[in-house]
Amino acid sequence: MCNDYKLEVDIASIAEDFDNLSIKIRMPEGAPNVPAREDIKISDTAPIVRGVEGERGVGELVNRRWSWPGPGGKPVYNFRSEGREFTSNRCLILADGFYEFTKPDDPKQKRQNKWLFTLRDHPWFCIAGIWRPHAEVGEVFTMLTTDPGEDVAPYHSRQIIPLPRERWADWLDPSVPAEEVLQVLPKGSLAVRRVYPPEAAQAALL
């Protein structure tokens, strides 16, 4: 499952996109400092848009920690969506790519293959998530997962849920049933390319 993603799109472009979708974005803690990052990892702080109770079409842009401590201290960075309604604390996780990893093709290769998934028709997207307060680490968020669609299935047995733009407001509105929103994108929606090992390094292994 996804334990690494990226966000290099600037906040001004993100805010403009939300405005074009008639989603009003508030920044209750001021404009968040969001440096471009090629790798956002478990327990890092990253921007999310959380829904505002009783106000459809309104979201709050805040920086929060990715994952909370689960039983035994293991971080909960992905959370199974099937059979759950999520009637509160929904959020959109801002991203322009996410990574999955597969076993090396060659025994000489020390690290796993790293694959980058991006959206074909837009430079960034939102991943379905939930947030919650945690007594030890403050407010935190996690990514929701489901069975993989055709774009992700060759690389992993589960996947996170990038949402189409027309469903962002629905996900922020807990009165909309979760099962209506949490669907995988159609085949061909995601582009994928290997970022590790680079082609030159892979050739050297052969």
N, C-alpha and C. Protein backbone atom coordinates (compact mmCIF):
# COMPACT_ATOMS: atom_id res chain seq x y z
N MET A 1 0.84 -1.19 0.00
CA MET A 1 0.00 0.00 0.00
C MET A 1 0.88 1.25 0.00
N CYS A 2 0.26 2.38 -0.22
CA CYS A 2 1.03 3.60 -0.43
C CYS A 2 1.67 4.09 0.86
N ASN A 3 2.99 4.19 0.86
CA ASN A 3 3.71 4.76 2.00
C ASN A 3 4.62 5.91 1.58
N ASP A 4 4.36 6.45 0.40
CA ASP A 4 5.20 7.51 -0.14
C ASP A 4 4.42 8.20 -1.26
N TYR A 5 4.32 9.53 -1.21
CA TYR A 5 3.67 10.25 -2.28
C TYR A 5 4.36 11.59 -2.47
N LYS A 6 3.91 12.39 -3.42
CA LYS A 6 4.59 13.63 -3.72
C LYS A 6 3.60 14.77 -3.93
N LEU A 7 4.09 15.99 -3.70
CA LEU A 7 3.31 17.20 -3.97
C LEU A 7 4.28 18.31 -4.30
N GLU A 8 4.30 18.70 -5.57
CA GLU A 8 5.17 19.78 -6.01
C GLU A 8 4.39 20.95 -6.62
N VAL A 9 3.08 20.83 -6.72
CA VAL A 9 2.23 21.91 -7.22
C VAL A 9 2.09 22.97 -6.14
N ASP A 10 2.12 24.23 -6.52
CA ASP A 10 2.06 25.32 -5.53
C ASP A 10 0.64 25.52 -5.01
N ILE A 11 0.55 26.07 -3.81
CA ILE A 11 -0.73 26.26 -3.13
C ILE A 11 -1.64 27.20 -3.91
N ALA A 12 -1.09 28.20 -4.58
CA ALA A 12 -1.92 29.14 -5.34
C ALA A 12 -2.68 28.41 -6.44
N SER A 13 -2.02 27.50 -7.13
CA SER A 13 -2.69 26.73 -8.18
C SER A 13 -3.76 25.82 -7.60
N ILE A 14 -3.47 25.24 -6.45
CA ILE A 14 -4.43 24.37 -5.77
C ILE A 14 -5.68 25.16 -5.37
N ALA A 15 -5.47 26.33 -4.77
CA ALA A 15 -6.60 27.16 -4.35
C ALA A 15 -7.45 27.59 -5.55
N GLU A 16 -6.80 27.90 -6.67
CA GLU A 16 -7.52 28.29 -7.89
C GLU A 16 -8.38 27.15 -8.40
N ASP A 17 -7.85 25.93 -8.37
CA ASP A 17 -8.62 24.77 -8.81
C ASP A 17 -9.86 24.57 -7.95
N PHE A 18 -9.72 24.69 -6.64
CA PHE A 18 -10.88 24.55 -5.76
C PHE A 18 -11.91 25.64 -6.06
N ASP A 19 -11.45 26.85 -6.30
CA ASP A 19 -12.36 27.95 -6.61
C ASP A 19 -13.13 27.67 -7.89
N ASN A 20 -12.45 27.10 -8.88
CA ASN A 20 -13.11 26.77 -10.15
C ASN A 20 -14.20 25.72 -9.97
N LEU A 21 -14.06 24.91 -8.92
CA LEU A 21 -15.05 23.88 -8.63
C LEU A 21 -16.11 24.36 -7.63
N SER A 22 -16.08 25.67 -7.33
CA SER A 22 -17.02 26.29 -6.37
C SER A 22 -16.89 25.66 -4.98
N ILE A 23 -15.68 25.29 -4.61
CA ILE A 23 -15.40 24.84 -3.24
C ILE A 23 -14.62 25.95 -2.55
N LYS A 24 -15.20 26.52 -1.51
CA LYS A 24 -14.57 27.62 -0.80
C LYS A 24 -13.53 27.07 0.17
N ILE A 25 -12.32 27.56 0.06
CA ILE A 25 -11.24 27.09 0.93
C ILE A 25 -10.91 28.14 1.98
N ARG A 26 -11.00 27.74 3.23
CA ARG A 26 -10.58 28.59 4.34
C ARG A 26 -9.21 28.13 4.83
N MET A 27 -8.47 29.05 5.41
CA MET A 27 -7.16 28.73 5.97
C MET A 27 -7.13 29.22 7.42
N PRO A 28 -7.74 28.44 8.32
CA PRO A 28 -7.91 28.90 9.70
C PRO A 28 -6.59 29.11 10.44
N GLU A 29 -5.54 28.50 9.96
CA GLU A 29 -4.24 28.63 10.61
C GLU A 29 -3.27 29.45 9.75
N GLY A 30 -3.83 30.20 8.78
CA GLY A 30 -3.01 30.95 7.85
C GLY A 30 -2.58 30.06 6.70
N ALA A 31 -2.06 30.70 5.65
CA ALA A 31 -1.61 29.94 4.48
C ALA A 31 -0.51 28.97 4.91
N PRO A 32 -0.70 27.67 4.69
CA PRO A 32 0.31 26.70 5.14
C PRO A 32 1.58 26.78 4.31
N ASN A 33 2.69 26.55 4.98
CA ASN A 33 3.98 26.48 4.28
C ASN A 33 4.08 25.10 3.64
N VAL A 34 4.03 25.06 2.32
CA VAL A 34 4.01 23.79 1.61
C VAL A 34 5.14 23.78 0.58
N PRO A 35 6.35 23.45 1.00
CA PRO A 35 7.45 23.35 0.04
C PRO A 35 7.24 22.18 -0.91
N ALA A 36 7.72 22.32 -2.13
CA ALA A 36 7.63 21.22 -3.09
C ALA A 36 8.40 20.03 -2.56
N ARG A 37 7.76 18.86 -2.57
CA ARG A 37 8.43 17.66 -2.06
C ARG A 37 8.20 16.48 -2.98
N GLU A 38 9.28 15.85 -3.36
CA GLU A 38 9.22 14.68 -4.23
C GLU A 38 8.85 13.42 -3.46
N ASP A 39 9.10 13.43 -2.16
CA ASP A 39 8.78 12.28 -1.31
C ASP A 39 8.18 12.77 0.00
N ILE A 40 6.90 12.47 0.22
CA ILE A 40 6.25 12.70 1.51
C ILE A 40 6.07 11.32 2.13
N LYS A 41 6.66 11.13 3.29
CA LYS A 41 6.70 9.81 3.90
C LYS A 41 5.88 9.76 5.18
N ILE A 42 5.66 8.55 5.66
CA ILE A 42 4.88 8.31 6.87
C ILE A 42 5.43 9.17 8.02
N SER A 43 4.53 9.83 8.74
CA SER A 43 4.76 10.73 9.88
C SER A 43 5.20 12.13 9.47
N ASP A 44 5.39 12.38 8.16
CA ASP A 44 5.64 13.76 7.71
C ASP A 44 4.37 14.59 7.86
N THR A 45 4.56 15.90 7.90
CA THR A 45 3.43 16.84 7.89
C THR A 45 3.16 17.27 6.46
N ALA A 46 1.88 17.29 6.08
CA ALA A 46 1.52 17.60 4.70
C ALA A 46 0.12 18.24 4.69
N PRO A 47 -0.23 18.94 3.60
CA PRO A 47 -1.51 19.64 3.56
C PRO A 47 -2.70 18.73 3.24
N ILE A 48 -3.79 18.98 3.92
CA ILE A 48 -5.07 18.33 3.64
C ILE A 48 -6.15 19.39 3.62
N VAL A 49 -7.27 19.07 2.99
CA VAL A 49 -8.48 19.90 3.07
C VAL A 49 -9.52 19.08 3.80
N ARG A 50 -9.95 19.56 4.94
CA ARG A 50 -10.95 18.82 5.71
C ARG A 50 -12.31 19.49 5.59
N GLY A 51 -13.35 18.70 5.64
CA GLY A 51 -14.69 19.23 5.53
C GLY A 51 -15.08 20.05 6.75
N VAL A 52 -16.04 20.95 6.55
CA VAL A 52 -16.58 21.78 7.64
C VAL A 52 -17.99 21.31 7.92
N GLU A 53 -18.24 20.88 9.13
CA GLU A 53 -19.54 20.30 9.49
C GLU A 53 -20.68 21.27 9.19
N GLY A 54 -21.68 20.77 8.46
CA GLY A 54 -22.87 21.56 8.17
C GLY A 54 -22.71 22.55 7.03
N GLU A 55 -21.56 22.58 6.37
CA GLU A 55 -21.34 23.54 5.28
C GLU A 55 -20.82 22.81 4.05
N ARG A 56 -21.71 22.47 3.14
CA ARG A 56 -21.29 21.82 1.91
C ARG A 56 -20.54 22.82 1.02
N GLY A 57 -19.53 22.32 0.35
CA GLY A 57 -18.76 23.18 -0.54
C GLY A 57 -17.77 24.07 0.16
N VAL A 58 -17.44 23.73 1.40
CA VAL A 58 -16.46 24.50 2.17
C VAL A 58 -15.43 23.54 2.74
N GLY A 59 -14.16 23.91 2.67
CA GLY A 59 -13.11 23.08 3.24
C GLY A 59 -12.07 23.94 3.94
N GLU A 60 -11.35 23.34 4.86
CA GLU A 60 -10.26 24.02 5.58
C GLU A 60 -8.93 23.42 5.18
N LEU A 61 -8.05 24.27 4.70
CA LEU A 61 -6.72 23.83 4.29
C LEU A 61 -5.76 23.97 5.48
N VAL A 62 -5.25 22.82 5.94
CA VAL A 62 -4.35 22.80 7.09
C VAL A 62 -3.22 21.81 6.84
N ASN A 63 -2.14 21.96 7.59
CA ASN A 63 -1.04 20.99 7.58
C ASN A 63 -1.22 20.03 8.73
N ARG A 64 -1.13 18.74 8.46
CA ARG A 64 -1.28 17.74 9.51
C ARG A 64 -0.32 16.57 9.28
N ARG A 65 -0.11 15.80 10.33
CA ARG A 65 0.79 14.64 10.27
C ARG A 65 0.10 13.48 9.56
N TRP A 66 0.86 12.81 8.72
CA TRP A 66 0.37 11.61 8.04
C TRP A 66 0.64 10.39 8.92
N SER A 67 -0.41 9.76 9.40
CA SER A 67 -0.43 8.52 10.20
C SER A 67 -0.59 8.81 11.68
N TRP A 68 -1.23 7.87 12.36
CA TRP A 68 -1.30 7.90 13.81
C TRP A 68 -0.78 6.57 14.36
N PRO A 69 -0.32 6.56 15.61
CA PRO A 69 0.18 5.31 16.19
C PRO A 69 -0.96 4.32 16.40
N GLY A 70 -0.80 3.13 15.84
CA GLY A 70 -1.79 2.09 16.00
C GLY A 70 -1.42 1.14 17.13
N PRO A 71 -2.14 0.03 17.27
CA PRO A 71 -1.81 -0.97 18.28
C PRO A 71 -0.36 -1.43 18.13
N GLY A 72 0.35 -1.42 19.22
CA GLY A 72 1.75 -1.82 19.17
C GLY A 72 2.67 -0.73 18.67
N GLY A 73 2.11 0.44 18.37
CA GLY A 73 2.92 1.56 17.93
C GLY A 73 3.14 1.66 16.43
N LYS A 74 2.66 0.68 15.65
CA LYS A 74 2.84 0.74 14.21
C LYS A 74 1.98 1.87 13.62
N PRO A 75 2.51 2.64 12.69
CA PRO A 75 1.75 3.77 12.15
C PRO A 75 0.60 3.32 11.27
N VAL A 76 -0.55 3.97 11.43
CA VAL A 76 -1.71 3.72 10.59
C VAL A 76 -1.69 4.79 9.49
N TYR A 77 -1.12 4.44 8.35
CA TYR A 77 -1.00 5.39 7.25
C TYR A 77 -1.96 5.07 6.11
N ASN A 78 -2.48 3.85 6.09
CA ASN A 78 -3.53 3.43 5.17
C ASN A 78 -4.64 2.79 5.98
N PHE A 79 -5.90 2.94 5.51
CA PHE A 79 -7.04 2.48 6.28
C PHE A 79 -8.07 1.90 5.31
N ARG A 80 -8.46 0.66 5.55
CA ARG A 80 -9.39 -0.03 4.65
C ARG A 80 -10.74 0.69 4.62
N SER A 81 -11.28 0.90 3.43
CA SER A 81 -12.53 1.66 3.30
C SER A 81 -13.78 0.78 3.24
N GLU A 82 -13.63 -0.47 2.79
CA GLU A 82 -14.80 -1.31 2.56
C GLU A 82 -15.64 -1.50 3.83
N GLY A 83 -16.95 -1.33 3.68
CA GLY A 83 -17.87 -1.57 4.78
C GLY A 83 -17.93 -0.47 5.81
N ARG A 84 -17.32 0.67 5.53
CA ARG A 84 -17.32 1.78 6.49
C ARG A 84 -18.02 2.99 5.86
N GLU A 85 -18.69 3.77 6.69
CA GLU A 85 -19.47 4.90 6.18
C GLU A 85 -18.72 6.24 6.27
N PHE A 86 -17.88 6.41 7.26
CA PHE A 86 -17.11 7.66 7.42
C PHE A 86 -18.06 8.86 7.48
N THR A 87 -18.87 8.89 8.53
CA THR A 87 -19.89 9.93 8.67
C THR A 87 -19.35 11.21 9.30
N SER A 88 -18.05 11.28 9.51
CA SER A 88 -17.43 12.52 10.01
C SER A 88 -15.93 12.47 9.68
N ASN A 89 -15.30 13.62 9.83
CA ASN A 89 -13.83 13.72 9.73
C ASN A 89 -13.27 13.25 8.38
N ARG A 90 -13.97 13.54 7.31
CA ARG A 90 -13.44 13.25 5.98
C ARG A 90 -12.45 14.35 5.57
N CYS A 91 -11.50 13.98 4.73
CA CYS A 91 -10.58 14.98 4.22
C CYS A 91 -10.07 14.59 2.84
N LEU A 92 -9.54 15.58 2.14
CA LEU A 92 -8.89 15.40 0.85
C LEU A 92 -7.39 15.61 1.05
N ILE A 93 -6.60 14.65 0.59
CA ILE A 93 -5.15 14.71 0.72
C ILE A 93 -4.59 15.18 -0.62
N LEU A 94 -3.88 16.28 -0.62
CA LEU A 94 -3.38 16.90 -1.85
C LEU A 94 -2.13 16.18 -2.33
N ALA A 95 -2.09 15.86 -3.62
CA ALA A 95 -0.95 15.12 -4.17
C ALA A 95 -0.86 15.37 -5.67
N ASP A 96 0.33 15.19 -6.22
CA ASP A 96 0.44 15.15 -7.69
C ASP A 96 1.06 13.85 -8.16
N GLY A 97 1.27 12.91 -7.24
CA GLY A 97 1.74 11.59 -7.60
C GLY A 97 1.82 10.72 -6.36
N PHE A 98 1.75 9.40 -6.55
CA PHE A 98 1.99 8.47 -5.45
C PHE A 98 2.82 7.32 -5.97
N TYR A 99 3.48 6.63 -5.04
CA TYR A 99 4.43 5.58 -5.41
C TYR A 99 3.95 4.21 -4.93
N GLU A 100 4.28 3.21 -5.72
CA GLU A 100 4.16 1.82 -5.29
C GLU A 100 5.50 1.13 -5.58
N PHE A 101 5.74 0.03 -4.88
CA PHE A 101 7.03 -0.66 -4.96
C PHE A 101 6.81 -2.13 -5.30
N THR A 102 7.69 -2.67 -6.14
CA THR A 102 7.63 -4.08 -6.50
C THR A 102 9.01 -4.70 -6.32
N LYS A 103 9.05 -6.01 -6.30
CA LYS A 103 10.31 -6.72 -6.08
C LYS A 103 11.30 -6.42 -7.21
N PRO A 104 12.59 -6.41 -6.90
CA PRO A 104 13.60 -6.17 -7.94
C PRO A 104 13.52 -7.21 -9.06
N ASP A 105 13.87 -6.78 -10.26
CA ASP A 105 13.89 -7.68 -11.40
C ASP A 105 15.13 -8.56 -11.42
N ASP A 106 16.15 -8.12 -10.72
CA ASP A 106 17.45 -8.79 -10.78
C ASP A 106 18.00 -8.93 -9.37
N PRO A 107 18.58 -10.07 -9.01
CA PRO A 107 19.13 -10.25 -7.65
C PRO A 107 20.25 -9.28 -7.32
N LYS A 108 20.88 -8.69 -8.32
CA LYS A 108 21.94 -7.71 -8.06
C LYS A 108 21.37 -6.37 -7.58
N GLN A 109 20.09 -6.16 -7.82
CA GLN A 109 19.45 -4.90 -7.44
C GLN A 109 19.12 -4.93 -5.95
N LYS A 110 19.61 -3.95 -5.19
CA LYS A 110 19.47 -3.97 -3.74
C LYS A 110 18.14 -3.40 -3.26
N ARG A 111 17.56 -2.49 -4.02
CA ARG A 111 16.30 -1.86 -3.62
C ARG A 111 15.16 -2.31 -4.51
N GLN A 112 13.96 -2.13 -4.01
CA GLN A 112 12.78 -2.48 -4.80
C GLN A 112 12.59 -1.51 -5.97
N ASN A 113 11.88 -1.98 -6.98
CA ASN A 113 11.46 -1.08 -8.05
C ASN A 113 10.48 -0.06 -7.48
N LYS A 114 10.63 1.19 -7.90
CA LYS A 114 9.77 2.27 -7.42
C LYS A 114 9.00 2.84 -8.62
N TRP A 115 7.68 2.85 -8.52
CA TRP A 115 6.81 3.27 -9.62
C TRP A 115 6.02 4.50 -9.22
N LEU A 116 6.00 5.49 -10.11
CA LEU A 116 5.26 6.73 -9.85
C LEU A 116 3.97 6.73 -10.65
N PHE A 117 2.84 6.95 -9.96
CA PHE A 117 1.53 7.06 -10.58
C PHE A 117 1.09 8.53 -10.57
N THR A 118 0.68 9.03 -11.72
CA THR A 118 0.18 10.39 -11.84
C THR A 118 -1.14 10.36 -12.62
N LEU A 119 -1.87 11.47 -12.51
CA LEU A 119 -3.14 11.57 -13.23
C LEU A 119 -2.87 12.05 -14.66
N ARG A 120 -3.47 11.40 -15.63
CA ARG A 120 -3.19 11.75 -17.03
C ARG A 120 -3.75 13.10 -17.44
N ASP A 121 -4.92 13.48 -16.89
CA ASP A 121 -5.62 14.64 -17.43
C ASP A 121 -5.53 15.89 -16.56
N HIS A 122 -4.74 15.85 -15.48
CA HIS A 122 -4.60 17.04 -14.62
C HIS A 122 -3.31 16.93 -13.84
N PRO A 123 -2.66 18.06 -13.54
CA PRO A 123 -1.34 17.99 -12.89
C PRO A 123 -1.36 17.58 -11.42
N TRP A 124 -2.53 17.59 -10.78
CA TRP A 124 -2.57 17.15 -9.38
C TRP A 124 -3.97 16.59 -9.09
N PHE A 125 -4.13 16.00 -7.92
CA PHE A 125 -5.40 15.36 -7.58
C PHE A 125 -5.56 15.30 -6.07
N CYS A 126 -6.68 14.78 -5.63
CA CYS A 126 -6.94 14.60 -4.19
C CYS A 126 -7.17 13.12 -3.91
N ILE A 127 -6.60 12.65 -2.83
CA ILE A 127 -6.76 11.28 -2.35
C ILE A 127 -7.77 11.28 -1.21
N ALA A 128 -8.69 10.34 -1.21
CA ALA A 128 -9.67 10.26 -0.12
C ALA A 128 -8.98 9.88 1.18
N GLY A 129 -9.30 10.64 2.23
CA GLY A 129 -8.70 10.36 3.54
C GLY A 129 -9.66 10.67 4.67
N ILE A 130 -9.24 10.35 5.86
CA ILE A 130 -9.92 10.75 7.07
C ILE A 130 -8.89 11.32 8.04
N TRP A 131 -9.36 12.15 8.96
CA TRP A 131 -8.47 12.71 9.97
C TRP A 131 -9.08 12.48 11.35
N ARG A 132 -8.26 12.58 12.36
CA ARG A 132 -8.76 12.43 13.72
C ARG A 132 -7.79 13.09 14.70
N PRO A 133 -8.29 13.49 15.87
CA PRO A 133 -7.37 13.96 16.91
C PRO A 133 -6.71 12.77 17.59
N HIS A 134 -5.48 12.94 18.01
CA HIS A 134 -4.78 11.89 18.73
C HIS A 134 -4.11 12.51 19.95
N ALA A 135 -4.29 11.88 21.09
CA ALA A 135 -3.82 12.46 22.35
C ALA A 135 -2.32 12.68 22.37
N GLU A 136 -1.57 11.84 21.67
CA GLU A 136 -0.10 11.94 21.73
C GLU A 136 0.50 12.84 20.67
N VAL A 137 -0.06 12.81 19.47
CA VAL A 137 0.59 13.51 18.35
C VAL A 137 -0.28 14.59 17.72
N GLY A 138 -1.44 14.90 18.29
CA GLY A 138 -2.30 15.93 17.74
C GLY A 138 -3.16 15.41 16.59
N GLU A 139 -3.67 16.31 15.77
CA GLU A 139 -4.52 15.90 14.66
C GLU A 139 -3.67 15.23 13.57
N VAL A 140 -4.23 14.16 13.00
CA VAL A 140 -3.49 13.32 12.06
C VAL A 140 -4.44 12.86 10.95
N PHE A 141 -3.88 12.37 9.85
CA PHE A 141 -4.72 11.86 8.78
C PHE A 141 -4.15 10.55 8.25
N THR A 142 -5.01 9.81 7.54
CA THR A 142 -4.59 8.58 6.88
C THR A 142 -5.30 8.48 5.54
N MET A 143 -4.75 7.68 4.64
CA MET A 143 -5.31 7.47 3.31
C MET A 143 -6.23 6.25 3.32
N LEU A 144 -7.35 6.34 2.63
CA LEU A 144 -8.25 5.21 2.51
C LEU A 144 -7.84 4.32 1.34
N THR A 145 -8.09 3.03 1.48
CA THR A 145 -7.69 2.07 0.44
C THR A 145 -8.88 1.19 0.04
N THR A 146 -8.72 0.56 -1.12
CA THR A 146 -9.72 -0.35 -1.64
C THR A 146 -9.02 -1.37 -2.54
N ASP A 147 -9.79 -2.29 -3.10
CA ASP A 147 -9.22 -3.21 -4.08
C ASP A 147 -8.70 -2.41 -5.27
N PRO A 148 -7.64 -2.87 -5.90
CA PRO A 148 -7.03 -2.06 -6.95
C PRO A 148 -7.84 -2.03 -8.23
N GLY A 149 -7.79 -0.89 -8.92
CA GLY A 149 -8.32 -0.79 -10.26
C GLY A 149 -7.32 -1.35 -11.26
N GLU A 150 -7.67 -1.31 -12.53
CA GLU A 150 -6.84 -1.95 -13.55
C GLU A 150 -5.49 -1.27 -13.71
N ASP A 151 -5.39 0.02 -13.41
CA ASP A 151 -4.11 0.70 -13.55
C ASP A 151 -3.11 0.28 -12.47
N VAL A 152 -3.61 -0.03 -11.27
CA VAL A 152 -2.73 -0.32 -10.14
C VAL A 152 -2.54 -1.82 -9.91
N ALA A 153 -3.51 -2.63 -10.32
CA ALA A 153 -3.49 -4.07 -10.02
C ALA A 153 -2.19 -4.78 -10.41
N PRO A 154 -1.52 -4.42 -11.52
CA PRO A 154 -0.26 -5.11 -11.83
C PRO A 154 0.87 -4.83 -10.84
N TYR A 155 0.68 -3.84 -9.96
CA TYR A 155 1.75 -3.41 -9.07
C TYR A 155 1.46 -3.68 -7.60
N HIS A 156 0.18 -3.77 -7.22
CA HIS A 156 -0.14 -3.98 -5.81
C HIS A 156 -1.54 -4.55 -5.67
N SER A 157 -1.77 -5.26 -4.55
CA SER A 157 -3.06 -5.90 -4.30
C SER A 157 -4.07 -4.97 -3.65
N ARG A 158 -3.66 -3.77 -3.26
CA ARG A 158 -4.56 -2.74 -2.72
C ARG A 158 -4.15 -1.41 -3.35
N GLN A 159 -5.03 -0.41 -3.22
CA GLN A 159 -4.65 0.91 -3.70
C GLN A 159 -5.34 2.00 -2.90
N ILE A 160 -4.71 3.17 -2.86
CA ILE A 160 -5.38 4.35 -2.33
C ILE A 160 -6.39 4.84 -3.36
N ILE A 161 -7.18 5.86 -3.01
CA ILE A 161 -8.32 6.23 -3.84
C ILE A 161 -8.21 7.69 -4.31
N PRO A 162 -7.57 7.95 -5.45
CA PRO A 162 -7.63 9.29 -6.03
C PRO A 162 -9.06 9.56 -6.50
N LEU A 163 -9.57 10.71 -6.15
CA LEU A 163 -10.97 11.03 -6.48
C LEU A 163 -11.05 11.93 -7.70
N PRO A 164 -12.03 11.69 -8.59
CA PRO A 164 -12.25 12.64 -9.69
C PRO A 164 -12.67 13.99 -9.14
N ARG A 165 -12.32 15.04 -9.84
CA ARG A 165 -12.57 16.40 -9.35
C ARG A 165 -14.04 16.64 -9.02
N GLU A 166 -14.94 16.06 -9.79
CA GLU A 166 -16.37 16.30 -9.57
C GLU A 166 -16.89 15.62 -8.30
N ARG A 167 -16.07 14.80 -7.64
CA ARG A 167 -16.50 14.15 -6.40
C ARG A 167 -15.82 14.73 -5.16
N TRP A 168 -14.99 15.75 -5.31
CA TRP A 168 -14.31 16.31 -4.14
C TRP A 168 -15.31 16.87 -3.13
N ALA A 169 -16.26 17.67 -3.60
CA ALA A 169 -17.25 18.25 -2.70
C ALA A 169 -18.09 17.16 -2.04
N ASP A 170 -18.40 16.10 -2.77
CA ASP A 170 -19.17 14.99 -2.20
C ASP A 170 -18.41 14.32 -1.06
N TRP A 171 -17.09 14.14 -1.24
CA TRP A 171 -16.35 13.48 -0.17
C TRP A 171 -16.28 14.35 1.08
N LEU A 172 -16.21 15.67 0.91
CA LEU A 172 -16.18 16.55 2.08
C LEU A 172 -17.53 16.63 2.78
N ASP A 173 -18.58 16.14 2.14
CA ASP A 173 -19.94 16.18 2.69
C ASP A 173 -20.30 14.80 3.24
N PRO A 174 -20.29 14.62 4.57
CA PRO A 174 -20.52 13.28 5.12
C PRO A 174 -21.94 12.76 4.94
N SER A 175 -22.86 13.61 4.45
CA SER A 175 -24.21 13.11 4.17
C SER A 175 -24.27 12.30 2.88
N VAL A 176 -23.23 12.42 2.03
CA VAL A 176 -23.17 11.63 0.81
C VAL A 176 -22.57 10.26 1.17
N PRO A 177 -23.27 9.17 0.87
CA PRO A 177 -22.76 7.85 1.26
C PRO A 177 -21.37 7.58 0.71
N ALA A 178 -20.51 7.05 1.57
CA ALA A 178 -19.13 6.81 1.19
C ALA A 178 -19.02 5.90 -0.02
N GLU A 179 -19.86 4.87 -0.09
CA GLU A 179 -19.75 3.91 -1.19
C GLU A 179 -20.04 4.54 -2.54
N GLU A 180 -20.75 5.67 -2.55
CA GLU A 180 -21.02 6.36 -3.82
C GLU A 180 -19.79 7.12 -4.32
N VAL A 181 -18.89 7.45 -3.42
CA VAL A 181 -17.74 8.29 -3.77
C VAL A 181 -16.47 7.47 -3.92
N LEU A 182 -16.30 6.47 -3.08
CA LEU A 182 -15.03 5.74 -3.02
C LEU A 182 -14.95 4.67 -4.09
N GLN A 183 -14.74 5.10 -5.31
CA GLN A 183 -14.61 4.21 -6.46
C GLN A 183 -13.25 4.43 -7.12
N VAL A 184 -12.69 3.37 -7.70
CA VAL A 184 -11.42 3.54 -8.40
C VAL A 184 -11.67 4.24 -9.73
N LEU A 185 -10.65 4.92 -10.23
CA LEU A 185 -10.75 5.61 -11.51
C LEU A 185 -10.81 4.61 -12.66
N PRO A 186 -11.41 4.99 -13.77
CA PRO A 186 -11.47 4.08 -14.92
C PRO A 186 -10.07 3.74 -15.45
N LYS A 187 -9.97 2.60 -16.11
CA LYS A 187 -8.72 2.18 -16.71
C LYS A 187 -8.15 3.26 -17.62
N GLY A 188 -6.86 3.51 -17.49
CA GLY A 188 -6.21 4.52 -18.31
C GLY A 188 -6.17 5.91 -17.69
N SER A 189 -6.80 6.09 -16.52
CA SER A 189 -6.80 7.41 -15.87
C SER A 189 -5.44 7.76 -15.29
N LEU A 190 -4.70 6.73 -14.85
CA LEU A 190 -3.41 6.95 -14.21
C LEU A 190 -2.28 6.57 -15.16
N ALA A 191 -1.28 7.43 -15.22
CA ALA A 191 -0.05 7.11 -15.93
C ALA A 191 0.94 6.55 -14.92
N VAL A 192 1.80 5.62 -15.34
CA VAL A 192 2.78 5.04 -14.43
C VAL A 192 4.12 4.97 -15.12
N ARG A 193 5.18 5.27 -14.39
CA ARG A 193 6.54 5.11 -14.91
C ARG A 193 7.47 4.71 -13.76
N ARG A 194 8.49 3.97 -14.11
CA ARG A 194 9.45 3.55 -13.10
C ARG A 194 10.44 4.68 -12.84
N VAL A 195 10.63 5.01 -11.57
CA VAL A 195 11.59 6.06 -11.21
C VAL A 195 12.84 5.48 -10.55
N TYR A 196 12.75 4.21 -10.11
CA TYR A 196 13.94 3.51 -9.61
C TYR A 196 13.81 2.03 -9.95
N PRO A 197 14.88 1.41 -10.47
CA PRO A 197 16.12 2.08 -10.86
C PRO A 197 15.95 2.84 -12.17
N PRO A 198 16.73 3.89 -12.38
CA PRO A 198 16.67 4.59 -13.67
C PRO A 198 17.05 3.64 -14.79
N GLU A 199 16.70 4.00 -15.99
CA GLU A 199 16.95 3.12 -17.13
C GLU A 199 18.43 2.76 -17.26
N ALA A 200 19.31 3.74 -17.04
CA ALA A 200 20.76 3.46 -17.17
C ALA A 200 21.22 2.46 -16.13
N ALA A 201 20.72 2.60 -14.90
CA ALA A 201 21.10 1.68 -13.84
C ALA A 201 20.55 0.29 -14.11
N GLN A 202 19.32 0.23 -14.62
CA GLN A 202 18.72 -1.06 -14.93
C GLN A 202 19.52 -1.77 -16.04
N ALA A 203 19.95 -1.02 -17.03
CA ALA A 203 20.73 -1.61 -18.11
C ALA A 203 22.05 -2.20 -17.61
N ALA A 204 22.62 -1.54 -16.61
CA ALA A 204 23.90 -2.01 -16.07
C ALA A 204 23.75 -3.33 -15.33
N LEU A 205 22.52 -3.61 -14.84
CA LEU A 205 22.29 -4.86 -14.11
C LEU A 205 22.13 -6.05 -15.05
N LEU A 206 21.80 -5.78 -16.29
CA LEU A 206 21.48 -6.86 -17.22
C LEU A 206 22.74 -7.42 -17.89
